[in-house]
Amino acid sequence: MSGNVVVSEGKSVGKSVQEMSMDGDEPPPQFVVKEHPFGSKQCNSSSESIHIPIIDVSLLLSSEQELLQLRSALASSGCFQAVGHGMSSSFLEKVREVAKQFFALPVEEKQKYARAVNESEGETLEEFSIKTKAMMDQLLRSMARSLNVEENSFLKQFGGDSAMMQARFNFYPPCSRPDMVLGVKPHTDRSGITALLQDAQVEGLQVLIHDTWINVPAIPDALVVNLGDQMQIMSNGIFKSPMHRVITNREKLRMSVAMFNEPDAEAEVGPVEALINGTRPRMYRNVKNYGVINYQCYQEGKVALETVRVAHN
């Protein structure tokens, strides 16, 4: 498999809140969601006019309609539920089980799973990484074709073998006050493309679409695919990097496994030249080490993409 893979365990404030507020009282102040430019918008889980599209990845090479649906999804919401990805229900359930087993290990045991760059991750996660990376590469080629540009226009900006694939196990224990505490505050991903294996039953992921927070349904056999900021840059703003967040659950633990495909930090990422023209001028400047920019803006509550946008008179 091309690219380096880093495995990490996502941190959840829900665990600390549960431990520190077992009697159901209000959570400690440090965990309460404060004023945030994207935190006050209400969730509209019953909206019939806004939904998360389902794309059959296996049809993208043969169906023009599926390719058009992919372009529409990424130009509007920036995310979709991927099916037809070649991974069986039993295999995805095995990945979930491995993630739960990993989370249950003591810290010193988890550290034994660390690998040096370019080393194999071992067993189930390695197979999941290989299959997810193959799906992502196919999607990147399909995304380019949907915009009528050269098939490798996006893929080549990832840097080949120097691109980074990061696997993250996320766990959100029950929280007594889900109305006050988020699992993850609103943000956009620093990656080029992200694939998320959700909990098979417990929902929690929400995407901001048309100023409304929309629940992403838990479909056991699907992978949630969303674009990161660097893909919005590469597509010159045609495709969107969606703002999303994770809410906590009062009664149930929720898990997920996220795979982030990120261009080499030293590679210069910028809009594909063929997507810059008189009607759509250059929207973003070329950047390196975008992950650092995204992280700093996340800490400060800023939109990272706005800091690299080209100003036009």
C-alpha atoms as a PDB file:
ATOM      1  CA  MET A   1       0.000   0.000   0.000  1.00  0.00           C
ATOM      2  CA  SER A   2       1.298   3.432  -0.904  1.00  0.00           C
ATOM      3  CA  GLY A   3       1.446   6.058   1.780  1.00  0.00           C
ATOM      4  CA  ASN A   4       2.324   5.997   5.471  1.00  0.00           C
ATOM      5  CA  VAL A   5      -0.245   4.938   8.061  1.00  0.00           C
ATOM      6  CA  VAL A   6      -0.410   6.313  11.588  1.00  0.00           C
ATOM      7  CA  VAL A   7      -2.767   4.798  14.150  1.00  0.00           C
ATOM      8  CA  SER A   8      -4.142   6.933  16.959  1.00  0.00           C
ATOM      9  CA  GLU A   9      -6.937   6.870  19.494  1.00  0.00           C
ATOM     10  CA  GLY A  10      -9.347   9.769  19.351  1.00  0.00           C
ATOM     11  CA  LYS A  11     -10.041  11.557  22.622  1.00  0.00           C
ATOM     12  CA  SER A  12     -13.602  11.938  23.867  1.00  0.00           C
ATOM     13  CA  VAL A  13     -14.619  14.436  26.523  1.00  0.00           C
ATOM     14  CA  GLY A  14     -17.631  12.249  27.172  1.00  0.00           C
ATOM     15  CA  LYS A  15     -15.573   9.841  29.267  1.00  0.00           C
ATOM     16  CA  SER A  16     -14.302  12.557  31.566  1.00  0.00           C
ATOM     17  CA  VAL A  17     -17.753  14.055  31.935  1.00  0.00           C
ATOM     18  CA  GLN A  18     -19.202  10.686  32.794  1.00  0.00           C
ATOM     19  CA  GLU A  19     -16.561  10.050  35.430  1.00  0.00           C
ATOM     20  CA  MET A  20     -16.807  13.520  36.959  1.00  0.00           C
ATOM     21  CA  SER A  21     -20.590  13.830  36.839  1.00  0.00           C
ATOM     22  CA  MET A  22     -21.910  10.383  37.680  1.00  0.00           C
ATOM     23  CA  ASP A  23     -24.894  11.737  39.599  1.00  0.00           C
ATOM     24  CA  GLY A  24     -26.369  13.438  36.542  1.00  0.00           C
ATOM     25  CA  ASP A  25     -25.585  16.981  37.631  1.00  0.00           C
ATOM     26  CA  GLU A  26     -24.335  19.566  35.202  1.00  0.00           C
ATOM     27  CA  PRO A  27     -20.886  18.710  33.764  1.00  0.00           C
ATOM     28  CA  PRO A  28     -17.768  20.577  34.901  1.00  0.00           C
ATOM     29  CA  PRO A  29     -17.450  24.008  33.232  1.00  0.00           C
ATOM     30  CA  GLN A  30     -14.384  23.049  31.193  1.00  0.00           C
ATOM     31  CA  PHE A  31     -16.469  20.555  29.202  1.00  0.00           C
ATOM     32  CA  VAL A  32     -19.459  22.775  28.486  1.00  0.00           C
ATOM     33  CA  VAL A  33     -19.706  24.029  24.901  1.00  0.00           C
ATOM     34  CA  LYS A  34     -19.101  27.759  24.914  1.00  0.00           C
ATOM     35  CA  GLU A  35     -19.957  30.365  22.317  1.00  0.00           C
ATOM     36  CA  HIS A  36     -18.912  29.129  18.887  1.00  0.00           C
ATOM     37  CA  PRO A  37     -19.663  30.574  15.450  1.00  0.00           C
ATOM     38  CA  PHE A  38     -21.147  27.235  14.383  1.00  0.00           C
ATOM     39  CA  GLY A  39     -22.446  26.005  17.723  1.00  0.00           C
ATOM     40  CA  SER A  40     -25.813  27.702  17.956  1.00  0.00           C
ATOM     41  CA  LYS A  41     -27.417  26.316  14.805  1.00  0.00           C
ATOM     42  CA  GLN A  42     -30.171  23.845  15.527  1.00  0.00           C
ATOM     43  CA  CYS A  43     -30.262  20.254  14.308  1.00  0.00           C
ATOM     44  CA  ASN A  44     -33.003  19.343  11.860  1.00  0.00           C
ATOM     45  CA  SER A  45     -32.882  15.566  11.838  1.00  0.00           C
ATOM     46  CA  SER A  46     -36.365  15.256  10.336  1.00  0.00           C
ATOM     47  CA  SER A  47     -35.708  17.456   7.317  1.00  0.00           C
ATOM     48  CA  GLU A  48     -37.101  15.875   4.150  1.00  0.00           C
ATOM     49  CA  SER A  49     -35.467  18.332   1.778  1.00  0.00           C
ATOM     50  CA  ILE A  50     -31.896  17.804   3.002  1.00  0.00           C
ATOM     51  CA  HIS A  51     -30.350  14.356   3.113  1.00  0.00           C
ATOM     52  CA  ILE A  52     -26.989  12.632   2.823  1.00  0.00           C
ATOM     53  CA  PRO A  53     -26.706  11.003  -0.641  1.00  0.00           C
ATOM     54  CA  ILE A  54     -25.824   7.333  -1.072  1.00  0.00           C
ATOM     55  CA  ILE A  55     -23.270   6.611  -3.828  1.00  0.00           C
ATOM     56  CA  ASP A  56     -22.517   3.139  -5.209  1.00  0.00           C
ATOM     57  CA  VAL A  57     -18.759   3.290  -5.751  1.00  0.00           C
ATOM     58  CA  SER A  58     -18.836   0.163  -7.938  1.00  0.00           C
ATOM     59  CA  LEU A  59     -20.959   2.011 -10.538  1.00  0.00           C
ATOM     60  CA  LEU A  60     -18.777   5.093 -10.978  1.00  0.00           C
ATOM     61  CA  LEU A  61     -16.849   3.639 -13.922  1.00  0.00           C
ATOM     62  CA  SER A  62     -19.925   2.449 -15.810  1.00  0.00           C
ATOM     63  CA  SER A  63     -22.750   4.818 -14.877  1.00  0.00           C
ATOM     64  CA  GLU A  64     -22.761   8.439 -15.987  1.00  0.00           C
ATOM     65  CA  GLN A  65     -25.731   9.023 -13.697  1.00  0.00           C
ATOM     66  CA  GLU A  66     -23.778   7.820 -10.645  1.00  0.00           C
ATOM     67  CA  LEU A  67     -20.849  10.053 -11.633  1.00  0.00           C
ATOM     68  CA  LEU A  68     -23.178  13.048 -11.896  1.00  0.00           C
ATOM     69  CA  GLN A  69     -24.640  12.209  -8.499  1.00  0.00           C
ATOM     70  CA  LEU A  70     -21.112  12.100  -7.040  1.00  0.00           C
ATOM     71  CA  ARG A  71     -20.328  15.549  -8.445  1.00  0.00           C
ATOM     72  CA  SER A  72     -23.629  16.940  -7.172  1.00  0.00           C
ATOM     73  CA  ALA A  73     -23.081  15.540  -3.674  1.00  0.00           C
ATOM     74  CA  LEU A  74     -19.546  16.919  -3.358  1.00  0.00           C
ATOM     75  CA  ALA A  75     -20.454  20.320  -4.797  1.00  0.00           C
ATOM     76  CA  SER A  76     -23.365  20.744  -2.379  1.00  0.00           C
ATOM     77  CA  SER A  77     -22.854  18.962   0.930  1.00  0.00           C
ATOM     78  CA  GLY A  78     -19.294  17.676   0.433  1.00  0.00           C
ATOM     79  CA  CYS A  79     -20.167  14.234   1.780  1.00  0.00           C
ATOM     80  CA  PHE A  80     -22.029  11.022   1.004  1.00  0.00           C
ATOM     81  CA  GLN A  81     -22.544   7.453   2.186  1.00  0.00           C
ATOM     82  CA  ALA A  82     -20.400   5.073   0.122  1.00  0.00           C
ATOM     83  CA  VAL A  83     -21.698   1.579  -0.668  1.00  0.00           C
ATOM     84  CA  GLY A  84     -20.416  -0.897  -3.232  1.00  0.00           C
ATOM     85  CA  HIS A  85     -16.896  -0.434  -1.849  1.00  0.00           C
ATOM     86  CA  GLY A  86     -16.019  -4.128  -1.849  1.00  0.00           C
ATOM     87  CA  MET A  87     -15.961  -4.649   1.936  1.00  0.00           C
ATOM     88  CA  SER A  88     -18.411  -7.195   3.331  1.00  0.00           C
ATOM     89  CA  SER A  89     -20.717  -6.644   6.299  1.00  0.00           C
ATOM     90  CA  SER A  90     -18.828  -9.250   8.305  1.00  0.00           C
ATOM     91  CA  PHE A  91     -15.481  -7.606   7.607  1.00  0.00           C
ATOM     92  CA  LEU A  92     -16.718  -4.138   8.649  1.00  0.00           C
ATOM     93  CA  GLU A  93     -18.148  -5.611  11.835  1.00  0.00           C
ATOM     94  CA  LYS A  94     -14.761  -7.217  12.499  1.00  0.00           C
ATOM     95  CA  VAL A  95     -13.097  -3.800  12.162  1.00  0.00           C
ATOM     96  CA  ARG A  96     -15.551  -2.374  14.700  1.00  0.00           C
ATOM     97  CA  GLU A  97     -14.805  -5.216  17.087  1.00  0.00           C
ATOM     98  CA  VAL A  98     -11.040  -4.725  16.747  1.00  0.00           C
ATOM     99  CA  ALA A  99     -11.496  -1.021  17.495  1.00  0.00           C
ATOM    100  CA  LYS A 100     -13.458  -1.826  20.649  1.00  0.00           C
ATOM    101  CA  GLN A 101     -10.808  -4.310  21.747  1.00  0.00           C
ATOM    102  CA  PHE A 102      -8.077  -1.730  21.162  1.00  0.00           C
ATOM    103  CA  PHE A 103      -9.930   0.870  23.212  1.00  0.00           C
ATOM    104  CA  ALA A 104     -10.260  -1.566  26.121  1.00  0.00           C
ATOM    105  CA  LEU A 105      -6.499  -2.144  26.352  1.00  0.00           C
ATOM    106  CA  PRO A 106      -4.367  -0.416  29.016  1.00  0.00           C
ATOM    107  CA  VAL A 107      -2.269   2.495  27.731  1.00  0.00           C
ATOM    108  CA  GLU A 108       0.974   0.532  27.923  1.00  0.00           C
ATOM    109  CA  GLU A 109      -0.544  -2.227  25.786  1.00  0.00           C
ATOM    110  CA  LYS A 110      -1.816   0.262  23.197  1.00  0.00           C
ATOM    111  CA  GLN A 111       1.682   1.681  22.842  1.00  0.00           C
ATOM    112  CA  LYS A 112       2.949  -1.741  21.742  1.00  0.00           C
ATOM    113  CA  TYR A 113       0.857  -1.347  18.575  1.00  0.00           C
ATOM    114  CA  ALA A 114       2.829   1.710  17.492  1.00  0.00           C
ATOM    115  CA  ARG A 115       4.743   1.257  14.237  1.00  0.00           C
ATOM    116  CA  ALA A 116       7.544   3.155  12.616  1.00  0.00           C
ATOM    117  CA  VAL A 117       6.849   4.950   9.349  1.00  0.00           C
ATOM    118  CA  ASN A 118       6.368   2.503   6.435  1.00  0.00           C
ATOM    119  CA  GLU A 119       5.913  -0.476   8.793  1.00  0.00           C
ATOM    120  CA  SER A 120       2.831  -2.634   8.490  1.00  0.00           C
ATOM    121  CA  GLU A 121       0.009  -1.977  10.947  1.00  0.00           C
ATOM    122  CA  GLY A 122      -0.762  -5.687  11.290  1.00  0.00           C
ATOM    123  CA  GLU A 123      -3.801  -7.787  10.651  1.00  0.00           C
ATOM    124  CA  THR A 124      -7.363  -6.422  10.364  1.00  0.00           C
ATOM    125  CA  LEU A 125      -6.463  -2.716  10.375  1.00  0.00           C
ATOM    126  CA  GLU A 126      -3.919  -3.217   7.605  1.00  0.00           C
ATOM    127  CA  GLU A 127      -6.526  -4.874   5.399  1.00  0.00           C
ATOM    128  CA  PHE A 128      -9.046  -2.125   6.172  1.00  0.00           C
ATOM    129  CA  SER A 129      -6.432   0.533   5.340  1.00  0.00           C
ATOM    130  CA  ILE A 130      -5.551  -1.094   2.013  1.00  0.00           C
ATOM    131  CA  LYS A 131      -9.181  -1.439   0.952  1.00  0.00           C
ATOM    132  CA  THR A 132     -10.126   2.061   2.080  1.00  0.00           C
ATOM    133  CA  LYS A 133      -7.119   3.577   0.284  1.00  0.00           C
ATOM    134  CA  ALA A 134      -8.089   1.738  -2.905  1.00  0.00           C
ATOM    135  CA  MET A 135     -11.623   3.140  -2.629  1.00  0.00           C
ATOM    136  CA  MET A 136     -10.277   6.645  -2.039  1.00  0.00           C
ATOM    137  CA  ASP A 137      -7.989   6.457  -5.092  1.00  0.00           C
ATOM    138  CA  GLN A 138     -10.928   5.346  -7.219  1.00  0.00           C
ATOM    139  CA  LEU A 139     -13.032   8.205  -5.854  1.00  0.00           C
ATOM    140  CA  LEU A 140     -10.314  10.771  -6.559  1.00  0.00           C
ATOM    141  CA  ARG A 141     -10.107   9.617 -10.180  1.00  0.00           C
ATOM    142  CA  SER A 142     -13.888   9.670 -10.475  1.00  0.00           C
ATOM    143  CA  MET A 143     -14.055  13.149  -8.973  1.00  0.00           C
ATOM    144  CA  ALA A 144     -11.601  14.383 -11.600  1.00  0.00           C
ATOM    145  CA  ARG A 145     -13.590  12.769 -14.410  1.00  0.00           C
ATOM    146  CA  SER A 146     -16.787  14.347 -13.086  1.00  0.00           C
ATOM    147  CA  LEU A 147     -15.162  17.761 -13.594  1.00  0.00           C
ATOM    148  CA  ASN A 148     -13.792  16.840 -17.036  1.00  0.00           C
ATOM    149  CA  VAL A 149     -10.146  17.169 -16.016  1.00  0.00           C
ATOM    150  CA  GLU A 150      -7.283  14.676 -16.337  1.00  0.00           C
ATOM    151  CA  GLU A 151      -7.983  11.581 -14.216  1.00  0.00           C
ATOM    152  CA  ASN A 152      -4.920  11.962 -11.958  1.00  0.00           C
ATOM    153  CA  SER A 153      -5.295  15.724 -11.453  1.00  0.00           C
ATOM    154  CA  PHE A 154      -6.175  15.328  -7.773  1.00  0.00           C
ATOM    155  CA  LEU A 155      -4.418  12.068  -7.013  1.00  0.00           C
ATOM    156  CA  LYS A 156      -0.966  13.298  -8.051  1.00  0.00           C
ATOM    157  CA  GLN A 157      -1.135  16.208  -5.598  1.00  0.00           C
ATOM    158  CA  PHE A 158      -1.209  13.748  -2.694  1.00  0.00           C
ATOM    159  CA  GLY A 159       2.465  12.936  -3.225  1.00  0.00           C
ATOM    160  CA  GLY A 160       2.335   9.203  -3.982  1.00  0.00           C
ATOM    161  CA  ASP A 161       4.194   7.103  -1.425  1.00  0.00           C
ATOM    162  CA  SER A 162       4.821  10.129   0.794  1.00  0.00           C
ATOM    163  CA  ALA A 163       1.092  10.765   1.331  1.00  0.00           C
ATOM    164  CA  MET A 164      -0.214  10.121   4.834  1.00  0.00           C
ATOM    165  CA  MET A 165      -3.029   7.759   5.813  1.00  0.00           C
ATOM    166  CA  GLN A 166      -4.070   8.142   9.425  1.00  0.00           C
ATOM    167  CA  ALA A 167      -6.423   5.751  11.206  1.00  0.00           C
ATOM    168  CA  ARG A 168      -8.161   7.068  14.295  1.00  0.00           C
ATOM    169  CA  PHE A 169     -10.332   5.125  16.739  1.00  0.00           C
ATOM    170  CA  ASN A 170     -12.993   7.393  18.264  1.00  0.00           C
ATOM    171  CA  PHE A 171     -15.012   6.531  21.360  1.00  0.00           C
ATOM    172  CA  TYR A 172     -17.790   8.598  22.901  1.00  0.00           C
ATOM    173  CA  PRO A 173     -18.994   7.156  26.239  1.00  0.00           C
ATOM    174  CA  PRO A 174     -22.476   8.092  27.502  1.00  0.00           C
ATOM    175  CA  CYS A 175     -22.769  11.682  28.704  1.00  0.00           C
ATOM    176  CA  SER A 176     -25.348  12.856  31.240  1.00  0.00           C
ATOM    177  CA  ARG A 177     -25.816  16.218  29.474  1.00  0.00           C
ATOM    178  CA  PRO A 178     -25.578  15.790  25.691  1.00  0.00           C
ATOM    179  CA  ASP A 179     -27.319  19.151  25.338  1.00  0.00           C
ATOM    180  CA  MET A 180     -24.292  20.825  26.919  1.00  0.00           C
ATOM    181  CA  VAL A 181     -21.331  18.683  25.824  1.00  0.00           C
ATOM    182  CA  LEU A 182     -20.199  17.804  22.297  1.00  0.00           C
ATOM    183  CA  GLY A 183     -18.089  14.783  21.406  1.00  0.00           C
ATOM    184  CA  VAL A 184     -16.207  16.920  18.862  1.00  0.00           C
ATOM    185  CA  LYS A 185     -16.846  20.609  18.290  1.00  0.00           C
ATOM    186  CA  PRO A 186     -17.651  21.923  14.773  1.00  0.00           C
ATOM    187  CA  HIS A 187     -14.702  21.682  12.393  1.00  0.00           C
ATOM    188  CA  THR A 188     -13.608  20.862   8.862  1.00  0.00           C
ATOM    189  CA  ASP A 189     -11.019  18.165   8.176  1.00  0.00           C
ATOM    190  CA  ARG A 190      -7.447  19.045   7.267  1.00  0.00           C
ATOM    191  CA  SER A 191      -7.252  16.028   4.972  1.00  0.00           C
ATOM    192  CA  GLY A 192      -7.879  15.655   1.287  1.00  0.00           C
ATOM    193  CA  ILE A 193     -10.504  12.973   1.799  1.00  0.00           C
ATOM    194  CA  THR A 194     -11.865  11.197   4.884  1.00  0.00           C
ATOM    195  CA  ALA A 195     -13.697   7.874   5.191  1.00  0.00           C
ATOM    196  CA  LEU A 196     -15.550   7.046   8.395  1.00  0.00           C
ATOM    197  CA  LEU A 197     -16.837   3.685   9.560  1.00  0.00           C
ATOM    198  CA  GLN A 198     -19.662   4.652  11.884  1.00  0.00           C
ATOM    199  CA  ASP A 199     -21.077   2.764  14.829  1.00  0.00           C
ATOM    200  CA  ALA A 200     -23.533   0.239  13.409  1.00  0.00           C
ATOM    201  CA  GLN A 201     -26.379   1.467  15.619  1.00  0.00           C
ATOM    202  CA  VAL A 202     -25.604   4.670  17.515  1.00  0.00           C
ATOM    203  CA  GLU A 203     -25.719   7.911  15.550  1.00  0.00           C
ATOM    204  CA  GLY A 204     -23.880  11.095  16.476  1.00  0.00           C
ATOM    205  CA  LEU A 205     -22.211  12.588  13.410  1.00  0.00           C
ATOM    206  CA  GLN A 206     -23.848  15.766  12.096  1.00  0.00           C
ATOM    207  CA  VAL A 207     -23.015  17.808   8.996  1.00  0.00           C
ATOM    208  CA  LEU A 208     -23.801  21.497   8.490  1.00  0.00           C
ATOM    209  CA  ILE A 209     -25.785  21.868   5.260  1.00  0.00           C
ATOM    210  CA  HIS A 210     -27.486  25.155   4.347  1.00  0.00           C
ATOM    211  CA  ASP A 211     -26.978  26.438   7.900  1.00  0.00           C
ATOM    212  CA  THR A 212     -28.742  23.401   9.372  1.00  0.00           C
ATOM    213  CA  TRP A 213     -27.179  20.532  11.317  1.00  0.00           C
ATOM    214  CA  ILE A 214     -28.203  17.265   9.644  1.00  0.00           C
ATOM    215  CA  ASN A 215     -27.839  13.854  11.283  1.00  0.00           C
ATOM    216  CA  VAL A 216     -25.831  11.326   9.259  1.00  0.00           C
ATOM    217  CA  PRO A 217     -27.778   8.044   9.483  1.00  0.00           C
ATOM    218  CA  ALA A 218     -25.993   4.947  10.752  1.00  0.00           C
ATOM    219  CA  ILE A 219     -25.908   2.560   7.775  1.00  0.00           C
ATOM    220  CA  PRO A 220     -23.948  -0.530   8.898  1.00  0.00           C
ATOM    221  CA  ASP A 221     -22.552  -1.420   5.463  1.00  0.00           C
ATOM    222  CA  ALA A 222     -21.676   2.135   4.360  1.00  0.00           C
ATOM    223  CA  LEU A 223     -18.620   4.324   4.821  1.00  0.00           C
ATOM    224  CA  VAL A 224     -19.272   8.034   5.295  1.00  0.00           C
ATOM    225  CA  VAL A 225     -17.016   9.923   2.883  1.00  0.00           C
ATOM    226  CA  ASN A 226     -16.388  13.618   3.354  1.00  0.00           C
ATOM    227  CA  LEU A 227     -13.895  15.900   1.707  1.00  0.00           C
ATOM    228  CA  GLY A 228     -11.253  17.809   3.625  1.00  0.00           C
ATOM    229  CA  ASP A 229     -10.077  21.375   3.124  1.00  0.00           C
ATOM    230  CA  GLN A 230      -7.255  20.391   0.795  1.00  0.00           C
ATOM    231  CA  MET A 231      -9.704  18.914  -1.700  1.00  0.00           C
ATOM    232  CA  GLN A 232     -11.740  22.117  -1.663  1.00  0.00           C
ATOM    233  CA  ILE A 233      -8.504  23.924  -2.511  1.00  0.00           C
ATOM    234  CA  MET A 234      -7.576  21.480  -5.300  1.00  0.00           C
ATOM    235  CA  SER A 235     -11.040  21.732  -6.868  1.00  0.00           C
ATOM    236  CA  ASN A 236     -10.822  25.540  -6.760  1.00  0.00           C
ATOM    237  CA  GLY A 237     -13.869  25.683  -4.512  1.00  0.00           C
ATOM    238  CA  ILE A 238     -16.159  23.535  -6.664  1.00  0.00           C
ATOM    239  CA  PHE A 239     -16.173  20.706  -4.141  1.00  0.00           C
ATOM    240  CA  LYS A 240     -16.892  21.496  -0.504  1.00  0.00           C
ATOM    241  CA  SER A 241     -15.175  20.570   2.752  1.00  0.00           C
ATOM    242  CA  PRO A 242     -18.163  20.258   5.090  1.00  0.00           C
ATOM    243  CA  MET A 243     -18.358  21.610   8.616  1.00  0.00           C
ATOM    244  CA  HIS A 244     -19.260  18.726  10.921  1.00  0.00           C
ATOM    245  CA  ARG A 245     -19.476  17.843  14.600  1.00  0.00           C
ATOM    246  CA  VAL A 246     -20.208  14.889  16.886  1.00  0.00           C
ATOM    247  CA  ILE A 247     -22.916  14.968  19.533  1.00  0.00           C
ATOM    248  CA  THR A 248     -22.895  12.772  22.621  1.00  0.00           C
ATOM    249  CA  ASN A 249     -25.500  10.215  23.664  1.00  0.00           C
ATOM    250  CA  ARG A 250     -27.132  10.092  27.083  1.00  0.00           C
ATOM    251  CA  GLU A 251     -27.361   6.298  27.295  1.00  0.00           C
ATOM    252  CA  LYS A 252     -25.094   4.574  24.771  1.00  0.00           C
ATOM    253  CA  LEU A 253     -21.406   4.451  23.942  1.00  0.00           C
ATOM    254  CA  ARG A 254     -20.631   5.291  20.325  1.00  0.00           C
ATOM    255  CA  MET A 255     -17.535   4.273  18.371  1.00  0.00           C
ATOM    256  CA  SER A 256     -16.169   5.045  14.924  1.00  0.00           C
ATOM    257  CA  VAL A 257     -13.043   4.425  12.872  1.00  0.00           C
ATOM    258  CA  ALA A 258     -11.843   7.303  10.713  1.00  0.00           C
ATOM    259  CA  MET A 259      -9.335   7.072   7.876  1.00  0.00           C
ATOM    260  CA  PHE A 260      -7.761  10.382   6.800  1.00  0.00           C
ATOM    261  CA  ASN A 261      -5.943  10.585   3.456  1.00  0.00           C
ATOM    262  CA  GLU A 262      -3.711  13.639   3.569  1.00  0.00           C
ATOM    263  CA  PRO A 263      -1.226  14.991   0.993  1.00  0.00           C
ATOM    264  CA  ASP A 264       2.447  15.020   1.886  1.00  0.00           C
ATOM    265  CA  ALA A 265       3.003  18.033   4.162  1.00  0.00           C
ATOM    266  CA  GLU A 266       5.916  19.233   2.026  1.00  0.00           C
ATOM    267  CA  ALA A 267       3.991  18.940  -1.226  1.00  0.00           C
ATOM    268  CA  GLU A 268       2.541  22.155  -2.592  1.00  0.00           C
ATOM    269  CA  VAL A 269      -1.220  21.879  -2.928  1.00  0.00           C
ATOM    270  CA  GLY A 270      -3.241  24.254  -5.082  1.00  0.00           C
ATOM    271  CA  PRO A 271      -6.185  24.539  -7.469  1.00  0.00           C
ATOM    272  CA  VAL A 272      -5.968  22.361 -10.587  1.00  0.00           C
ATOM    273  CA  GLU A 273      -5.045  24.742 -13.411  1.00  0.00           C
ATOM    274  CA  ALA A 274      -7.780  23.414 -15.689  1.00  0.00           C
ATOM    275  CA  LEU A 275     -10.365  24.507 -13.113  1.00  0.00           C
ATOM    276  CA  ILE A 276      -9.200  28.139 -13.169  1.00  0.00           C
ATOM    277  CA  ASN A 277     -10.814  30.272 -15.861  1.00  0.00           C
ATOM    278  CA  GLY A 278     -12.527  33.572 -16.559  1.00  0.00           C
ATOM    279  CA  THR A 279     -15.782  32.591 -14.910  1.00  0.00           C
ATOM    280  CA  ARG A 280     -14.070  30.904 -11.946  1.00  0.00           C
ATOM    281  CA  PRO A 281     -10.832  32.699 -11.052  1.00  0.00           C
ATOM    282  CA  ARG A 282      -8.310  31.218  -8.655  1.00  0.00           C
ATOM    283  CA  MET A 283     -10.043  30.884  -5.276  1.00  0.00           C
ATOM    284  CA  TYR A 284      -7.088  29.738  -3.135  1.00  0.00           C
ATOM    285  CA  ARG A 285      -3.347  30.214  -3.093  1.00  0.00           C
ATOM    286  CA  ASN A 286      -0.938  27.278  -3.200  1.00  0.00           C
ATOM    287  CA  VAL A 287      -0.013  26.034   0.273  1.00  0.00           C
ATOM    288  CA  LYS A 288       2.343  23.676   2.080  1.00  0.00           C
ATOM    289  CA  ASN A 289       1.867  22.195   5.549  1.00  0.00           C
ATOM    290  CA  TYR A 290      -1.840  22.976   5.447  1.00  0.00           C
ATOM    291  CA  GLY A 291      -2.397  20.695   8.431  1.00  0.00           C
ATOM    292  CA  VAL A 292      -0.653  23.224  10.666  1.00  0.00           C
ATOM    293  CA  ILE A 293      -2.872  26.032   9.378  1.00  0.00           C
ATOM    294  CA  ASN A 294      -6.018  23.983   9.933  1.00  0.00           C
ATOM    295  CA  TYR A 295      -5.005  22.972  13.472  1.00  0.00           C
ATOM    296  CA  GLN A 296      -4.206  26.527  14.552  1.00  0.00           C
ATOM    297  CA  CYS A 297      -7.484  27.842  13.167  1.00  0.00           C
ATOM    298  CA  TYR A 298      -9.399  25.014  14.865  1.00  0.00           C
ATOM    299  CA  GLN A 299      -7.957  26.016  18.221  1.00  0.00           C
ATOM    300  CA  GLU A 300      -8.887  29.648  17.607  1.00  0.00           C
ATOM    301  CA  GLY A 301     -12.386  28.949  16.289  1.00  0.00           C
ATOM    302  CA  LYS A 302     -11.540  30.240  12.802  1.00  0.00           C
ATOM    303  CA  VAL A 303     -12.298  28.840   9.341  1.00  0.00           C
ATOM    304  CA  ALA A 304      -8.917  27.730   8.001  1.00  0.00           C
ATOM    305  CA  LEU A 305      -9.899  27.957   4.338  1.00  0.00           C
ATOM    306  CA  GLU A 306     -10.616  31.664   4.694  1.00  0.00           C
ATOM    307  CA  THR A 307      -6.972  32.288   5.626  1.00  0.00           C
ATOM    308  CA  VAL A 308      -5.728  30.913   2.279  1.00  0.00           C
ATOM    309  CA  ARG A 309      -8.452  32.394   0.079  1.00  0.00           C
ATOM    310  CA  VAL A 310      -7.380  34.726  -2.739  1.00  0.00           C
ATOM    311  CA  ALA A 311      -8.975  38.143  -2.477  1.00  0.00           C
ATOM    312  CA  HIS A 312     -10.695  39.502  -5.593  1.00  0.00           C
ATOM    313  CA  ASN A 313     -11.786  43.064  -6.213  1.00  0.00           C
END
